[in-house]
N, C-alpha and C. Protein backbone atom coordinates (compact mmCIF):
# COMPACT_ATOMS: atom_id res chain seq x y z
N MET A 1 -11.36 5.99 -7.42
CA MET A 1 -10.65 7.18 -6.99
C MET A 1 -9.85 6.91 -5.71
N PHE A 2 -10.49 6.23 -4.75
CA PHE A 2 -9.82 5.92 -3.49
C PHE A 2 -8.61 5.01 -3.72
N GLN A 3 -8.76 4.05 -4.65
CA GLN A 3 -7.66 3.14 -4.93
C GLN A 3 -6.46 3.88 -5.51
N LYS A 4 -6.72 4.86 -6.37
CA LYS A 4 -5.62 5.63 -6.96
C LYS A 4 -4.89 6.43 -5.89
N LEU A 5 -5.64 7.00 -4.96
CA LEU A 5 -5.03 7.78 -3.90
C LEU A 5 -4.14 6.92 -3.01
N VAL A 6 -4.62 5.75 -2.65
CA VAL A 6 -3.82 4.84 -1.83
C VAL A 6 -2.58 4.38 -2.59
N ALA A 7 -2.75 4.08 -3.88
CA ALA A 7 -1.61 3.64 -4.69
C ALA A 7 -0.55 4.72 -4.79
N GLU A 8 -0.96 5.96 -4.97
CA GLU A 8 0.00 7.06 -5.05
C GLU A 8 0.73 7.25 -3.73
N LYS A 9 0.03 7.11 -2.62
CA LYS A 9 0.69 7.25 -1.31
C LYS A 9 1.68 6.12 -1.07
N VAL A 10 1.32 4.91 -1.46
CA VAL A 10 2.23 3.77 -1.30
C VAL A 10 3.47 3.96 -2.16
N LYS A 11 3.28 4.39 -3.40
CA LYS A 11 4.42 4.62 -4.29
C LYS A 11 5.32 5.74 -3.76
N HIS A 12 4.70 6.80 -3.24
CA HIS A 12 5.49 7.90 -2.68
C HIS A 12 6.29 7.43 -1.47
N PHE A 13 5.67 6.62 -0.60
CA PHE A 13 6.37 6.12 0.58
C PHE A 13 7.59 5.29 0.19
N PHE A 14 7.42 4.34 -0.73
CA PHE A 14 8.53 3.47 -1.08
C PHE A 14 9.61 4.21 -1.85
N ARG A 15 9.23 5.21 -2.63
CA ARG A 15 10.24 6.01 -3.33
C ARG A 15 11.07 6.79 -2.31
N CYS A 16 10.43 7.43 -1.36
CA CYS A 16 11.16 8.18 -0.32
C CYS A 16 11.97 7.25 0.57
N TYR A 17 11.43 6.07 0.86
CA TYR A 17 12.17 5.09 1.65
C TYR A 17 13.45 4.68 0.93
N ALA A 18 13.35 4.45 -0.38
CA ALA A 18 14.53 4.05 -1.15
C ALA A 18 15.56 5.18 -1.21
N ILE A 19 15.09 6.40 -1.28
CA ILE A 19 16.01 7.54 -1.33
C ILE A 19 16.73 7.72 0.00
N ASN A 20 16.06 7.50 1.10
CA ASN A 20 16.61 7.84 2.42
C ASN A 20 17.10 6.66 3.24
N ARG A 21 16.97 5.44 2.78
CA ARG A 21 17.34 4.28 3.59
C ARG A 21 18.83 4.25 3.91
N HIS A 22 19.67 4.69 3.00
CA HIS A 22 21.11 4.62 3.23
C HIS A 22 21.55 5.51 4.40
N LYS A 23 20.75 6.50 4.73
CA LYS A 23 21.12 7.42 5.81
C LYS A 23 21.09 6.73 7.18
N MET A 24 20.33 5.66 7.30
CA MET A 24 20.24 4.96 8.58
C MET A 24 21.53 4.23 8.92
N THR A 25 22.38 3.98 7.94
CA THR A 25 23.62 3.24 8.21
C THR A 25 24.70 4.13 8.80
N VAL A 26 24.55 5.44 8.71
CA VAL A 26 25.60 6.34 9.20
C VAL A 26 25.21 7.04 10.50
N LEU A 27 24.08 6.68 11.08
CA LEU A 27 23.67 7.30 12.33
C LEU A 27 24.50 6.78 13.49
N THR A 28 24.68 7.60 14.48
CA THR A 28 25.45 7.20 15.65
C THR A 28 24.64 6.22 16.50
N PRO A 29 25.30 5.43 17.33
CA PRO A 29 24.57 4.47 18.17
C PRO A 29 23.60 5.14 19.12
N SER A 30 23.91 6.33 19.58
CA SER A 30 23.02 6.99 20.53
C SER A 30 21.70 7.38 19.88
N TYR A 31 21.71 7.60 18.58
CA TYR A 31 20.47 7.96 17.90
C TYR A 31 19.55 6.74 17.79
N HIS A 32 20.13 5.56 17.63
CA HIS A 32 19.33 4.34 17.50
C HIS A 32 18.74 3.90 18.82
N ALA A 33 19.43 4.21 19.91
CA ALA A 33 19.01 3.69 21.21
C ALA A 33 18.16 4.71 21.95
N GLU A 34 17.10 4.20 22.57
CA GLU A 34 16.26 5.07 23.39
C GLU A 34 17.00 5.41 24.69
N SER A 35 17.57 4.42 25.31
CA SER A 35 18.47 4.62 26.43
C SER A 35 19.80 4.00 26.02
N TYR A 36 20.79 4.05 26.85
CA TYR A 36 22.10 3.55 26.45
C TYR A 36 22.03 2.06 26.11
N SER A 37 22.65 1.73 25.01
CA SER A 37 22.72 0.34 24.59
C SER A 37 24.05 0.13 23.87
N PRO A 38 24.73 -0.99 24.12
CA PRO A 38 25.99 -1.24 23.43
C PRO A 38 25.80 -1.60 21.95
N ASP A 39 24.56 -1.86 21.56
CA ASP A 39 24.30 -2.19 20.16
C ASP A 39 24.44 -0.94 19.31
N ASP A 40 25.35 -0.99 18.36
CA ASP A 40 25.58 0.17 17.51
C ASP A 40 25.04 -0.04 16.10
N ASN A 41 24.11 -0.97 15.97
CA ASN A 41 23.43 -1.22 14.70
C ASN A 41 24.35 -1.81 13.63
N ARG A 42 25.50 -2.35 14.02
CA ARG A 42 26.39 -2.93 13.01
C ARG A 42 25.92 -4.31 12.56
N PHE A 43 25.00 -4.91 13.30
CA PHE A 43 24.51 -6.23 12.92
C PHE A 43 23.18 -6.15 12.19
N ASP A 44 22.84 -4.98 11.72
CA ASP A 44 21.62 -4.79 10.94
C ASP A 44 21.94 -5.17 9.49
N HIS A 45 21.45 -6.32 9.06
CA HIS A 45 21.79 -6.83 7.73
C HIS A 45 20.74 -6.52 6.68
N ARG A 46 19.89 -5.54 6.96
CA ARG A 46 18.90 -5.16 5.97
C ARG A 46 19.58 -4.44 4.81
N GLN A 47 18.99 -4.59 3.66
CA GLN A 47 19.50 -3.90 2.48
C GLN A 47 19.38 -2.39 2.69
N PHE A 48 20.41 -1.64 2.27
CA PHE A 48 20.33 -0.19 2.46
C PHE A 48 20.45 0.59 1.16
N LEU A 49 20.74 -0.06 0.07
CA LEU A 49 20.74 0.61 -1.23
C LEU A 49 19.62 0.02 -2.07
N TYR A 50 18.69 0.85 -2.46
CA TYR A 50 17.55 0.43 -3.25
C TYR A 50 17.49 1.23 -4.54
N ARG A 51 16.91 0.63 -5.55
CA ARG A 51 16.59 1.39 -6.75
C ARG A 51 15.38 2.26 -6.45
N VAL A 52 15.40 3.47 -6.93
CA VAL A 52 14.36 4.43 -6.59
C VAL A 52 13.09 4.20 -7.41
N HIS A 53 13.20 3.62 -8.58
CA HIS A 53 12.07 3.61 -9.51
C HIS A 53 11.06 2.50 -9.24
N TRP A 54 11.46 1.36 -8.73
CA TRP A 54 10.55 0.26 -8.42
C TRP A 54 9.63 -0.04 -9.62
N ASN A 55 10.20 -0.18 -10.78
CA ASN A 55 9.40 -0.33 -12.01
C ASN A 55 8.41 -1.48 -11.94
N TRP A 56 8.88 -2.67 -11.60
CA TRP A 56 8.02 -3.85 -11.61
C TRP A 56 6.91 -3.72 -10.56
N GLN A 57 7.28 -3.31 -9.35
CA GLN A 57 6.31 -3.21 -8.27
C GLN A 57 5.25 -2.15 -8.56
N PHE A 58 5.68 -0.99 -9.05
CA PHE A 58 4.73 0.08 -9.33
C PHE A 58 3.81 -0.28 -10.49
N LYS A 59 4.33 -1.03 -11.44
CA LYS A 59 3.49 -1.48 -12.56
C LYS A 59 2.40 -2.43 -12.04
N ARG A 60 2.77 -3.32 -11.14
CA ARG A 60 1.79 -4.24 -10.56
C ARG A 60 0.74 -3.49 -9.73
N ILE A 61 1.16 -2.46 -9.01
CA ILE A 61 0.21 -1.66 -8.24
C ILE A 61 -0.77 -0.99 -9.18
N ASP A 62 -0.27 -0.41 -10.27
CA ASP A 62 -1.14 0.26 -11.24
C ASP A 62 -2.12 -0.73 -11.88
N GLU A 63 -1.63 -1.93 -12.19
CA GLU A 63 -2.51 -2.96 -12.76
C GLU A 63 -3.59 -3.36 -11.76
N ALA A 64 -3.22 -3.48 -10.51
CA ALA A 64 -4.21 -3.85 -9.48
C ALA A 64 -5.26 -2.74 -9.31
N VAL A 65 -4.83 -1.49 -9.40
CA VAL A 65 -5.77 -0.37 -9.27
C VAL A 65 -6.75 -0.37 -10.44
N THR A 66 -6.25 -0.55 -11.65
CA THR A 66 -7.16 -0.56 -12.81
C THR A 66 -8.11 -1.75 -12.73
N HIS A 67 -7.61 -2.89 -12.24
CA HIS A 67 -8.47 -4.07 -12.09
C HIS A 67 -9.57 -3.81 -11.06
N MET A 68 -9.21 -3.19 -9.94
CA MET A 68 -10.21 -2.89 -8.90
C MET A 68 -11.23 -1.87 -9.39
N GLU A 69 -10.78 -0.89 -10.17
CA GLU A 69 -11.72 0.11 -10.69
C GLU A 69 -12.68 -0.50 -11.70
N LYS A 70 -12.16 -1.38 -12.57
CA LYS A 70 -13.04 -2.05 -13.53
C LYS A 70 -14.05 -2.94 -12.80
N LYS A 71 -13.57 -3.64 -11.79
CA LYS A 71 -14.44 -4.53 -11.03
C LYS A 71 -15.51 -3.73 -10.29
N LYS A 72 -15.13 -2.57 -9.77
CA LYS A 72 -16.08 -1.72 -9.05
C LYS A 72 -17.13 -1.17 -9.99
N ARG A 73 -16.72 -0.74 -11.18
CA ARG A 73 -17.68 -0.19 -12.14
C ARG A 73 -18.66 -1.24 -12.63
N GLY A 74 -18.19 -2.47 -12.81
CA GLY A 74 -19.04 -3.51 -13.35
C GLY A 74 -19.89 -4.23 -12.33
N SER A 75 -19.66 -4.02 -11.04
CA SER A 75 -20.36 -4.82 -10.03
C SER A 75 -21.61 -4.16 -9.48
N VAL A 76 -21.82 -2.87 -9.70
CA VAL A 76 -23.00 -2.18 -9.17
C VAL A 76 -24.15 -2.35 -10.14
N PRO A 77 -25.26 -2.97 -9.71
CA PRO A 77 -26.40 -3.12 -10.61
C PRO A 77 -27.08 -1.78 -10.88
N ASN A 78 -27.57 -1.61 -12.09
CA ASN A 78 -28.18 -0.34 -12.49
C ASN A 78 -29.50 -0.09 -11.78
N ASP A 79 -30.29 -1.14 -11.51
CA ASP A 79 -31.59 -0.93 -10.88
C ASP A 79 -31.46 -0.48 -9.43
N ALA A 80 -30.35 -0.78 -8.77
CA ALA A 80 -30.15 -0.33 -7.40
C ALA A 80 -29.92 1.18 -7.35
N GLU A 81 -29.31 1.72 -8.38
CA GLU A 81 -29.10 3.16 -8.41
C GLU A 81 -30.40 3.90 -8.69
N GLN A 82 -31.29 3.30 -9.50
CA GLN A 82 -32.52 3.97 -9.89
C GLN A 82 -33.64 3.77 -8.87
N ASN A 83 -33.62 2.69 -8.14
CA ASN A 83 -34.68 2.37 -7.19
C ASN A 83 -34.29 2.84 -5.79
N PRO A 84 -34.93 3.88 -5.26
CA PRO A 84 -34.54 4.39 -3.94
C PRO A 84 -35.00 3.50 -2.78
N THR A 85 -35.86 2.51 -3.04
CA THR A 85 -36.34 1.66 -1.94
C THR A 85 -35.31 0.64 -1.51
N ILE A 86 -34.31 0.38 -2.34
CA ILE A 86 -33.28 -0.58 -1.98
C ILE A 86 -32.35 0.07 -0.96
N ASN A 87 -32.13 -0.62 0.12
CA ASN A 87 -31.26 -0.12 1.17
C ASN A 87 -29.82 -0.11 0.66
N HIS A 88 -29.11 0.98 0.89
CA HIS A 88 -27.73 1.06 0.41
C HIS A 88 -26.81 0.10 1.15
N MET A 89 -27.19 -0.36 2.33
CA MET A 89 -26.38 -1.32 3.07
C MET A 89 -26.57 -2.74 2.57
N SER A 90 -27.63 -2.99 1.80
CA SER A 90 -27.87 -4.34 1.31
C SER A 90 -26.94 -4.69 0.15
N ILE A 91 -26.41 -3.69 -0.50
CA ILE A 91 -25.48 -3.93 -1.60
C ILE A 91 -24.08 -4.06 -1.01
N VAL A 92 -23.47 -5.22 -1.20
CA VAL A 92 -22.15 -5.46 -0.66
C VAL A 92 -21.13 -4.80 -1.57
N PRO A 93 -20.24 -3.97 -1.03
CA PRO A 93 -19.22 -3.35 -1.87
C PRO A 93 -18.33 -4.40 -2.51
N PRO A 94 -17.78 -4.11 -3.68
CA PRO A 94 -17.00 -5.12 -4.40
C PRO A 94 -15.72 -5.52 -3.68
N HIS A 95 -15.14 -4.66 -2.86
CA HIS A 95 -13.90 -5.00 -2.19
C HIS A 95 -14.13 -5.78 -0.90
N PHE A 96 -15.40 -5.91 -0.46
CA PHE A 96 -15.70 -6.63 0.77
C PHE A 96 -15.82 -8.11 0.48
N ASN A 97 -15.20 -8.91 1.29
CA ASN A 97 -15.21 -10.35 1.12
C ASN A 97 -15.90 -10.96 2.34
N MET A 98 -16.91 -11.78 2.11
CA MET A 98 -17.68 -12.35 3.21
C MET A 98 -16.83 -13.25 4.11
N ARG A 99 -15.82 -13.90 3.55
CA ARG A 99 -14.97 -14.78 4.35
C ARG A 99 -13.85 -14.01 5.03
N ARG A 100 -13.77 -12.72 4.81
CA ARG A 100 -12.76 -11.84 5.38
C ARG A 100 -11.35 -12.22 4.97
N ASP A 101 -11.19 -12.79 3.78
CA ASP A 101 -9.87 -13.04 3.25
C ASP A 101 -9.26 -11.72 2.84
N ARG A 102 -7.96 -11.64 2.93
CA ARG A 102 -7.30 -10.41 2.53
C ARG A 102 -7.24 -10.33 1.02
N LYS A 103 -7.66 -9.20 0.51
CA LYS A 103 -7.59 -8.95 -0.92
C LYS A 103 -6.84 -7.65 -1.12
N GLY A 104 -6.23 -7.51 -2.26
CA GLY A 104 -5.56 -6.25 -2.56
C GLY A 104 -4.18 -6.48 -3.13
N VAL A 105 -3.35 -5.50 -2.97
CA VAL A 105 -2.02 -5.53 -3.54
C VAL A 105 -1.07 -6.13 -2.53
N LEU A 106 -0.38 -7.17 -2.92
CA LEU A 106 0.65 -7.76 -2.08
C LEU A 106 2.00 -7.39 -2.65
N ILE A 107 2.83 -6.83 -1.82
CA ILE A 107 4.15 -6.38 -2.28
C ILE A 107 5.20 -7.30 -1.71
């Protein structure tokens, strides 16, 4: 459930970013600068027109979410749920990595 919520927020962010990114190219220099600066943002070479749908990226996010949910469902032993003497902290969550390597969706 948590993975789906994060995935939806990420997709919403990138969709809104793609819709509104072009507006940054028409802002006045004073809006970009905190105090006066001669830089008028004309040397900003970032892409400003994006496709809104992000088909490939969103498909990969959805695949990663389903993979994480399947992994989470299959990794909890049944006897730990039935036996109350087992400490809930002794069971390592499936998304936790002992070596602290980054896991998850890379975009």
